[in-house]
N, C-alpha and C. Protein backbone atom coordinates (compact mmCIF):
# COMPACT_ATOMS: atom_id res chain seq x y z
N MET A 1 23.32 -32.62 -27.94
CA MET A 1 22.08 -32.05 -27.44
C MET A 1 22.34 -31.14 -26.25
N THR A 2 23.39 -31.32 -25.51
CA THR A 2 23.59 -30.52 -24.32
C THR A 2 24.01 -29.10 -24.64
N HIS A 3 24.55 -28.85 -25.81
CA HIS A 3 25.01 -27.51 -26.15
C HIS A 3 24.03 -26.84 -27.11
N ASP A 4 22.80 -26.69 -26.63
CA ASP A 4 21.77 -26.10 -27.46
C ASP A 4 21.81 -24.58 -27.36
N ASP A 5 20.96 -23.94 -28.11
CA ASP A 5 20.93 -22.47 -28.17
C ASP A 5 19.97 -21.84 -27.17
N ASP A 6 19.35 -22.65 -26.34
CA ASP A 6 18.40 -22.11 -25.36
C ASP A 6 19.12 -21.26 -24.34
N ASP A 7 18.38 -20.30 -23.79
CA ASP A 7 18.91 -19.49 -22.70
C ASP A 7 19.17 -20.38 -21.49
N ARG A 8 20.04 -19.91 -20.65
CA ARG A 8 20.33 -20.62 -19.40
C ARG A 8 19.37 -20.15 -18.33
N THR A 9 18.93 -21.08 -17.51
CA THR A 9 18.05 -20.74 -16.40
C THR A 9 18.23 -21.77 -15.30
N THR A 10 17.52 -21.57 -14.22
CA THR A 10 17.52 -22.51 -13.11
C THR A 10 16.27 -23.38 -13.22
N PHE A 11 16.46 -24.68 -13.06
CA PHE A 11 15.36 -25.63 -13.07
C PHE A 11 15.25 -26.28 -11.71
N LEU A 12 14.02 -26.53 -11.29
CA LEU A 12 13.73 -27.21 -10.03
C LEU A 12 13.04 -28.52 -10.35
N PHE A 13 13.53 -29.60 -9.78
CA PHE A 13 12.92 -30.93 -9.93
C PHE A 13 12.60 -31.42 -8.53
N TYR A 14 11.36 -31.89 -8.33
CA TYR A 14 10.97 -32.25 -6.97
C TYR A 14 9.88 -33.31 -6.97
N ALA A 15 9.68 -33.88 -5.77
CA ALA A 15 8.67 -34.92 -5.57
C ALA A 15 7.27 -34.29 -5.60
N PRO A 16 6.25 -35.10 -5.88
CA PRO A 16 4.87 -34.59 -5.91
C PRO A 16 4.45 -34.01 -4.56
N GLU A 17 3.58 -33.02 -4.61
CA GLU A 17 3.11 -32.35 -3.39
C GLU A 17 2.47 -33.33 -2.41
N ARG A 18 1.69 -34.26 -2.93
CA ARG A 18 0.99 -35.23 -2.06
C ARG A 18 1.91 -36.30 -1.50
N GLU A 19 3.09 -36.44 -2.08
CA GLU A 19 4.10 -37.39 -1.59
C GLU A 19 5.44 -36.67 -1.52
N PRO A 20 5.59 -35.70 -0.63
CA PRO A 20 6.75 -34.81 -0.66
C PRO A 20 8.11 -35.50 -0.46
N HIS A 21 8.10 -36.68 0.14
CA HIS A 21 9.37 -37.38 0.35
C HIS A 21 9.37 -38.75 -0.35
N ALA A 22 8.63 -38.82 -1.44
CA ALA A 22 8.51 -40.07 -2.19
C ALA A 22 9.84 -40.52 -2.79
N TRP A 23 10.76 -39.58 -3.00
CA TRP A 23 12.06 -39.96 -3.56
C TRP A 23 12.92 -40.68 -2.55
N GLY A 24 12.66 -40.47 -1.26
CA GLY A 24 13.51 -41.04 -0.23
C GLY A 24 14.92 -40.51 -0.34
N LEU A 25 15.04 -39.24 -0.65
CA LEU A 25 16.33 -38.63 -0.95
C LEU A 25 17.24 -38.61 0.27
N ASP A 26 18.42 -39.16 0.11
CA ASP A 26 19.48 -39.11 1.11
C ASP A 26 20.55 -38.20 0.52
N LEU A 27 20.82 -37.10 1.16
CA LEU A 27 21.71 -36.09 0.58
C LEU A 27 23.13 -36.61 0.33
N ALA A 28 23.73 -37.23 1.32
CA ALA A 28 25.09 -37.77 1.14
C ALA A 28 25.07 -38.91 0.11
N GLY A 29 24.01 -39.70 0.13
CA GLY A 29 23.88 -40.78 -0.85
C GLY A 29 23.79 -40.25 -2.27
N LEU A 30 23.05 -39.15 -2.45
CA LEU A 30 22.97 -38.53 -3.77
C LEU A 30 24.34 -38.04 -4.21
N GLY A 31 25.10 -37.47 -3.29
CA GLY A 31 26.46 -37.02 -3.61
C GLY A 31 27.32 -38.17 -4.11
N GLU A 32 27.24 -39.30 -3.44
CA GLU A 32 28.02 -40.47 -3.87
C GLU A 32 27.53 -41.02 -5.21
N THR A 33 26.22 -40.98 -5.44
CA THR A 33 25.68 -41.43 -6.73
C THR A 33 26.16 -40.51 -7.85
N LEU A 34 26.22 -39.22 -7.58
CA LEU A 34 26.79 -38.29 -8.56
C LEU A 34 28.25 -38.65 -8.85
N ARG A 35 29.01 -38.93 -7.80
CA ARG A 35 30.43 -39.28 -7.96
C ARG A 35 30.60 -40.51 -8.85
N GLU A 36 29.71 -41.47 -8.71
CA GLU A 36 29.79 -42.69 -9.50
C GLU A 36 29.39 -42.46 -10.96
N ALA A 37 28.55 -41.49 -11.22
CA ALA A 37 27.98 -41.31 -12.56
C ALA A 37 28.68 -40.29 -13.42
N PHE A 38 29.34 -39.30 -12.83
CA PHE A 38 29.93 -38.21 -13.59
C PHE A 38 31.44 -38.24 -13.53
N THR A 39 32.07 -37.65 -14.54
CA THR A 39 33.53 -37.67 -14.66
C THR A 39 34.21 -36.94 -13.51
N GLU A 40 33.70 -35.76 -13.19
CA GLU A 40 34.23 -34.98 -12.08
C GLU A 40 33.08 -34.55 -11.19
N VAL A 41 33.28 -34.63 -9.88
CA VAL A 41 32.23 -34.26 -8.94
C VAL A 41 32.85 -33.66 -7.68
N ARG A 42 32.21 -32.60 -7.20
CA ARG A 42 32.50 -32.06 -5.88
C ARG A 42 31.15 -31.89 -5.20
N TYR A 43 31.06 -32.32 -3.95
CA TYR A 43 29.81 -32.11 -3.23
C TYR A 43 30.10 -31.99 -1.74
N GLU A 44 29.14 -31.37 -1.07
CA GLU A 44 29.23 -31.22 0.37
C GLU A 44 27.82 -31.07 0.94
N VAL A 45 27.55 -31.81 2.01
CA VAL A 45 26.31 -31.60 2.73
C VAL A 45 26.56 -30.46 3.70
N ARG A 46 25.73 -29.43 3.60
CA ARG A 46 25.91 -28.22 4.40
C ARG A 46 24.68 -27.98 5.27
N GLN A 47 24.89 -27.20 6.31
CA GLN A 47 23.78 -26.73 7.13
C GLN A 47 24.15 -25.34 7.62
N ASP A 48 23.50 -24.36 7.03
CA ASP A 48 23.75 -22.97 7.38
C ASP A 48 22.43 -22.22 7.25
N ARG A 49 22.46 -20.95 7.02
CA ARG A 49 21.21 -20.18 6.95
C ARG A 49 20.43 -20.42 5.66
N THR A 50 21.06 -21.01 4.68
CA THR A 50 20.37 -21.37 3.44
C THR A 50 19.35 -22.47 3.77
N HIS A 51 18.23 -22.49 3.11
CA HIS A 51 17.18 -23.50 3.32
C HIS A 51 16.71 -23.52 4.77
N GLN A 52 16.58 -22.36 5.35
CA GLN A 52 16.04 -22.19 6.71
C GLN A 52 16.80 -23.01 7.75
N GLY A 53 18.09 -23.14 7.55
CA GLY A 53 18.93 -23.86 8.49
C GLY A 53 18.89 -25.37 8.37
N GLU A 54 18.14 -25.87 7.40
CA GLU A 54 18.05 -27.32 7.18
C GLU A 54 19.24 -27.80 6.35
N PRO A 55 19.66 -29.05 6.53
CA PRO A 55 20.76 -29.59 5.72
C PRO A 55 20.40 -29.60 4.23
N TYR A 56 21.41 -29.40 3.41
CA TYR A 56 21.23 -29.48 1.96
C TYR A 56 22.54 -29.93 1.33
N LEU A 57 22.44 -30.43 0.12
CA LEU A 57 23.60 -30.87 -0.63
C LEU A 57 23.94 -29.81 -1.66
N SER A 58 25.17 -29.37 -1.66
CA SER A 58 25.67 -28.47 -2.69
C SER A 58 26.58 -29.30 -3.58
N PHE A 59 26.37 -29.25 -4.90
CA PHE A 59 27.19 -30.09 -5.77
C PHE A 59 27.58 -29.39 -7.06
N TRP A 60 28.66 -29.89 -7.63
CA TRP A 60 29.13 -29.51 -8.96
C TRP A 60 29.54 -30.82 -9.61
N ALA A 61 29.09 -31.03 -10.84
CA ALA A 61 29.44 -32.26 -11.56
C ALA A 61 29.71 -31.92 -13.02
N ALA A 62 30.60 -32.68 -13.63
CA ALA A 62 30.93 -32.47 -15.04
C ALA A 62 30.93 -33.81 -15.77
N THR A 63 30.53 -33.76 -17.03
CA THR A 63 30.54 -34.95 -17.88
C THR A 63 31.83 -34.98 -18.69
N ALA A 64 32.08 -36.08 -19.35
CA ALA A 64 33.28 -36.23 -20.18
C ALA A 64 33.31 -35.22 -21.33
N ASP A 65 32.12 -34.80 -21.80
CA ASP A 65 32.09 -33.84 -22.92
C ASP A 65 32.17 -32.38 -22.45
N GLY A 66 32.35 -32.18 -21.14
CA GLY A 66 32.54 -30.84 -20.62
C GLY A 66 31.28 -30.14 -20.12
N THR A 67 30.15 -30.80 -20.16
CA THR A 67 28.93 -30.21 -19.61
C THR A 67 29.05 -30.16 -18.09
N GLU A 68 28.76 -29.00 -17.52
CA GLU A 68 28.87 -28.82 -16.08
C GLU A 68 27.51 -28.58 -15.46
N TYR A 69 27.32 -29.15 -14.27
CA TYR A 69 26.09 -28.97 -13.51
C TYR A 69 26.44 -28.40 -12.15
N ASP A 70 25.76 -27.34 -11.78
CA ASP A 70 25.94 -26.71 -10.48
C ASP A 70 24.57 -26.72 -9.82
N GLY A 71 24.47 -27.34 -8.65
CA GLY A 71 23.15 -27.43 -8.07
C GLY A 71 23.14 -27.69 -6.58
N THR A 72 21.93 -27.83 -6.09
CA THR A 72 21.70 -28.18 -4.70
C THR A 72 20.57 -29.19 -4.63
N ALA A 73 20.51 -29.88 -3.51
CA ALA A 73 19.41 -30.79 -3.24
C ALA A 73 19.01 -30.60 -1.78
N THR A 74 17.73 -30.74 -1.53
CA THR A 74 17.23 -30.58 -0.17
C THR A 74 16.08 -31.55 0.06
N VAL A 75 15.85 -31.86 1.32
CA VAL A 75 14.70 -32.67 1.71
C VAL A 75 13.76 -31.87 2.60
N HIS A 76 14.01 -30.58 2.73
CA HIS A 76 13.17 -29.70 3.55
C HIS A 76 11.89 -29.38 2.79
N GLY A 77 10.77 -29.76 3.32
CA GLY A 77 9.49 -29.56 2.64
C GLY A 77 9.19 -30.67 1.65
N ARG A 78 9.96 -30.72 0.59
CA ARG A 78 9.86 -31.79 -0.42
C ARG A 78 11.27 -32.19 -0.82
N ASP A 79 11.40 -33.43 -1.29
CA ASP A 79 12.66 -33.84 -1.91
C ASP A 79 12.81 -33.01 -3.17
N CYS A 80 13.95 -32.35 -3.34
CA CYS A 80 14.10 -31.39 -4.42
C CYS A 80 15.56 -31.31 -4.88
N VAL A 81 15.75 -31.19 -6.18
CA VAL A 81 17.06 -30.93 -6.77
C VAL A 81 16.92 -29.68 -7.64
N MET A 82 17.84 -28.75 -7.46
CA MET A 82 17.85 -27.53 -8.25
C MET A 82 19.12 -27.49 -9.09
N LEU A 83 18.98 -27.20 -10.38
CA LEU A 83 20.12 -27.02 -11.28
C LEU A 83 20.17 -25.55 -11.66
N ALA A 84 21.28 -24.91 -11.41
CA ALA A 84 21.44 -23.50 -11.74
C ALA A 84 22.11 -23.35 -13.10
N ASP A 85 21.74 -22.29 -13.82
CA ASP A 85 22.43 -21.88 -15.03
C ASP A 85 22.59 -23.00 -16.05
N SER A 86 21.49 -23.67 -16.36
CA SER A 86 21.51 -24.78 -17.32
C SER A 86 20.64 -24.47 -18.53
N THR A 87 21.03 -25.01 -19.66
CA THR A 87 20.16 -24.94 -20.83
C THR A 87 19.13 -26.06 -20.72
N VAL A 88 18.12 -26.01 -21.55
CA VAL A 88 17.11 -27.06 -21.57
C VAL A 88 17.76 -28.41 -21.87
N GLY A 89 18.64 -28.45 -22.84
CA GLY A 89 19.30 -29.71 -23.21
C GLY A 89 20.14 -30.28 -22.08
N GLU A 90 20.88 -29.43 -21.42
CA GLU A 90 21.69 -29.89 -20.28
C GLU A 90 20.81 -30.40 -19.15
N ALA A 91 19.77 -29.63 -18.83
CA ALA A 91 18.87 -30.03 -17.75
C ALA A 91 18.17 -31.34 -18.09
N ALA A 92 17.78 -31.52 -19.35
CA ALA A 92 17.08 -32.74 -19.76
C ALA A 92 17.96 -33.97 -19.54
N LEU A 93 19.23 -33.88 -19.89
CA LEU A 93 20.11 -35.03 -19.69
C LEU A 93 20.31 -35.34 -18.21
N PHE A 94 20.48 -34.29 -17.40
CA PHE A 94 20.61 -34.51 -15.96
C PHE A 94 19.33 -35.11 -15.40
N LEU A 95 18.20 -34.59 -15.82
CA LEU A 95 16.92 -35.07 -15.35
C LEU A 95 16.69 -36.52 -15.73
N LEU A 96 17.06 -36.90 -16.92
CA LEU A 96 16.93 -38.28 -17.36
C LEU A 96 17.78 -39.19 -16.46
N TRP A 97 19.00 -38.76 -16.17
CA TRP A 97 19.85 -39.53 -15.26
C TRP A 97 19.20 -39.63 -13.88
N LEU A 98 18.72 -38.51 -13.35
CA LEU A 98 18.09 -38.50 -12.03
C LEU A 98 16.89 -39.43 -11.99
N ARG A 99 16.01 -39.30 -12.98
CA ARG A 99 14.79 -40.11 -13.02
C ARG A 99 15.10 -41.61 -13.11
N ASP A 100 16.05 -41.96 -13.96
CA ASP A 100 16.31 -43.37 -14.23
C ASP A 100 17.32 -44.02 -13.29
N SER A 101 18.13 -43.23 -12.60
CA SER A 101 19.19 -43.79 -11.76
C SER A 101 18.99 -43.59 -10.27
N CYS A 102 18.20 -42.61 -9.88
CA CYS A 102 18.14 -42.25 -8.47
C CYS A 102 16.77 -42.39 -7.82
N LEU A 103 15.72 -42.34 -8.60
CA LEU A 103 14.39 -42.29 -8.03
C LEU A 103 13.73 -43.66 -7.99
N PRO A 104 12.90 -43.90 -6.97
CA PRO A 104 12.27 -45.23 -6.85
C PRO A 104 11.23 -45.53 -7.90
N ALA A 105 10.66 -44.49 -8.53
CA ALA A 105 9.67 -44.69 -9.60
C ALA A 105 9.75 -43.49 -10.54
N PRO A 106 9.65 -43.72 -11.85
CA PRO A 106 9.83 -42.64 -12.82
C PRO A 106 8.69 -41.62 -12.87
N ASP A 107 7.55 -41.92 -12.25
CA ASP A 107 6.42 -41.00 -12.31
C ASP A 107 6.39 -40.01 -11.14
N LEU A 108 7.49 -39.89 -10.42
CA LEU A 108 7.53 -39.06 -9.22
C LEU A 108 8.23 -37.73 -9.40
N VAL A 109 8.35 -37.25 -10.64
CA VAL A 109 9.08 -36.00 -10.88
C VAL A 109 8.13 -34.89 -11.30
N ARG A 110 8.20 -33.81 -10.54
CA ARG A 110 7.52 -32.57 -10.91
C ARG A 110 8.62 -31.55 -11.12
N PHE A 111 8.31 -30.49 -11.88
CA PHE A 111 9.37 -29.51 -12.13
C PHE A 111 8.81 -28.13 -12.31
N SER A 112 9.70 -27.17 -12.21
CA SER A 112 9.39 -25.77 -12.48
C SER A 112 10.71 -25.11 -12.88
N SER A 113 10.67 -23.80 -13.03
CA SER A 113 11.86 -23.08 -13.47
C SER A 113 11.90 -21.70 -12.82
N GLU A 114 13.04 -21.08 -12.89
CA GLU A 114 13.20 -19.74 -12.36
C GLU A 114 12.21 -18.76 -12.99
N PRO A 115 12.03 -18.77 -14.32
CA PRO A 115 11.05 -17.85 -14.90
C PRO A 115 9.64 -18.06 -14.34
N ALA A 116 9.24 -19.30 -14.09
CA ALA A 116 7.91 -19.56 -13.53
C ALA A 116 7.81 -19.00 -12.11
N VAL A 117 8.83 -19.22 -11.31
CA VAL A 117 8.83 -18.71 -9.94
C VAL A 117 8.78 -17.19 -9.94
N GLU A 118 9.57 -16.56 -10.82
CA GLU A 118 9.59 -15.10 -10.89
C GLU A 118 8.23 -14.53 -11.28
N ARG A 119 7.46 -15.27 -12.06
CA ARG A 119 6.14 -14.80 -12.49
C ARG A 119 5.03 -15.23 -11.53
N GLY A 120 5.40 -15.91 -10.46
CA GLY A 120 4.41 -16.34 -9.48
C GLY A 120 3.59 -17.54 -9.91
N ILE A 121 4.07 -18.28 -10.89
CA ILE A 121 3.36 -19.47 -11.38
C ILE A 121 3.74 -20.65 -10.49
N GLU A 122 2.77 -21.15 -9.76
CA GLU A 122 3.03 -22.20 -8.78
C GLU A 122 2.64 -23.59 -9.26
N THR A 123 2.34 -23.72 -10.52
CA THR A 123 1.94 -25.01 -11.09
C THR A 123 3.08 -26.01 -11.01
N ASP A 124 2.76 -27.22 -10.55
CA ASP A 124 3.72 -28.32 -10.60
C ASP A 124 3.59 -28.98 -11.97
N TRP A 125 4.61 -28.87 -12.78
CA TRP A 125 4.61 -29.51 -14.09
C TRP A 125 5.04 -30.95 -13.90
N ARG A 126 4.34 -31.86 -14.54
CA ARG A 126 4.64 -33.28 -14.40
C ARG A 126 5.57 -33.73 -15.52
N LEU A 127 6.63 -34.40 -15.13
CA LEU A 127 7.54 -34.96 -16.11
C LEU A 127 7.02 -36.32 -16.56
N PRO A 128 7.07 -36.62 -17.84
CA PRO A 128 6.63 -37.94 -18.30
C PRO A 128 7.44 -39.05 -17.62
N ALA A 129 6.75 -40.12 -17.29
CA ALA A 129 7.40 -41.25 -16.61
C ALA A 129 8.30 -42.04 -17.55
N ASN A 130 8.15 -41.82 -18.85
CA ASN A 130 9.01 -42.51 -19.81
C ASN A 130 9.42 -41.52 -20.88
N GLY A 131 10.28 -41.95 -21.73
CA GLY A 131 10.76 -41.06 -22.80
C GLY A 131 12.25 -40.83 -22.69
N ASP A 132 12.82 -40.46 -23.80
CA ASP A 132 14.26 -40.23 -23.87
C ASP A 132 14.59 -38.76 -23.67
N ALA A 133 15.83 -38.41 -23.88
CA ALA A 133 16.29 -37.03 -23.68
C ALA A 133 15.52 -36.06 -24.58
N ALA A 134 15.22 -36.46 -25.81
CA ALA A 134 14.48 -35.57 -26.72
C ALA A 134 13.10 -35.24 -26.16
N ARG A 135 12.46 -36.21 -25.55
CA ARG A 135 11.14 -35.97 -24.94
C ARG A 135 11.27 -35.04 -23.74
N MET A 136 12.34 -35.21 -22.95
CA MET A 136 12.56 -34.31 -21.81
C MET A 136 12.79 -32.87 -22.31
N VAL A 137 13.58 -32.74 -23.38
CA VAL A 137 13.83 -31.41 -23.97
C VAL A 137 12.50 -30.79 -24.39
N ASP A 138 11.66 -31.57 -25.08
CA ASP A 138 10.37 -31.05 -25.52
C ASP A 138 9.52 -30.58 -24.34
N GLU A 139 9.49 -31.34 -23.26
CA GLU A 139 8.70 -30.97 -22.08
C GLU A 139 9.22 -29.69 -21.44
N LEU A 140 10.55 -29.61 -21.29
CA LEU A 140 11.13 -28.42 -20.66
C LEU A 140 10.94 -27.18 -21.55
N ARG A 141 11.13 -27.35 -22.85
CA ARG A 141 10.92 -26.21 -23.77
C ARG A 141 9.46 -25.77 -23.78
N HIS A 142 8.54 -26.72 -23.75
CA HIS A 142 7.12 -26.39 -23.70
C HIS A 142 6.82 -25.58 -22.44
N HIS A 143 7.36 -26.02 -21.33
CA HIS A 143 7.18 -25.31 -20.05
C HIS A 143 7.67 -23.87 -20.18
N ILE A 144 8.87 -23.68 -20.69
CA ILE A 144 9.45 -22.33 -20.82
C ILE A 144 8.59 -21.48 -21.76
N ALA A 145 8.12 -22.06 -22.87
CA ALA A 145 7.29 -21.31 -23.82
C ALA A 145 5.97 -20.88 -23.16
N VAL A 146 5.34 -21.76 -22.41
CA VAL A 146 4.09 -21.41 -21.72
C VAL A 146 4.33 -20.32 -20.69
N VAL A 147 5.40 -20.46 -19.92
CA VAL A 147 5.71 -19.47 -18.89
C VAL A 147 6.01 -18.12 -19.52
N ASP A 148 6.72 -18.13 -20.64
CA ASP A 148 7.07 -16.88 -21.32
C ASP A 148 5.90 -16.31 -22.13
N GLY A 149 4.86 -17.12 -22.30
CA GLY A 149 3.69 -16.66 -23.06
C GLY A 149 3.92 -16.65 -24.57
N THR A 150 4.83 -17.51 -25.04
CA THR A 150 5.12 -17.55 -26.47
C THR A 150 4.52 -18.80 -27.12
């Protein structure tokens, strides 16, 4: 499922607006959780001009089947994880791991994408609190289709 034919894009996953820090995200802790879950991981908590000078986690992770994730996480404004250059299938598997392994409750995930941001669409899409990778793929694909107007 991770090597689908969908275009690559950036996905944003974040806590609800009304509970911006509901994830209780600890940047270094997330890095260590990535290290425990993925075959290869590199991460660093940084603080520079990115994210308005606030600390953020920069990470790269790979699975045993060769799927690679390049992303960042921040707690500035809202708890947020961004995955760059991912297909829907790849993002869905990462999101399933994030929802089920890192978050205090499965109903706390909102998401968007680079195409939505580029079009000025500020809607917080809600991720289902349950469901498998296929359901996550369906939700992400639906989002992309709505944003693209198809």
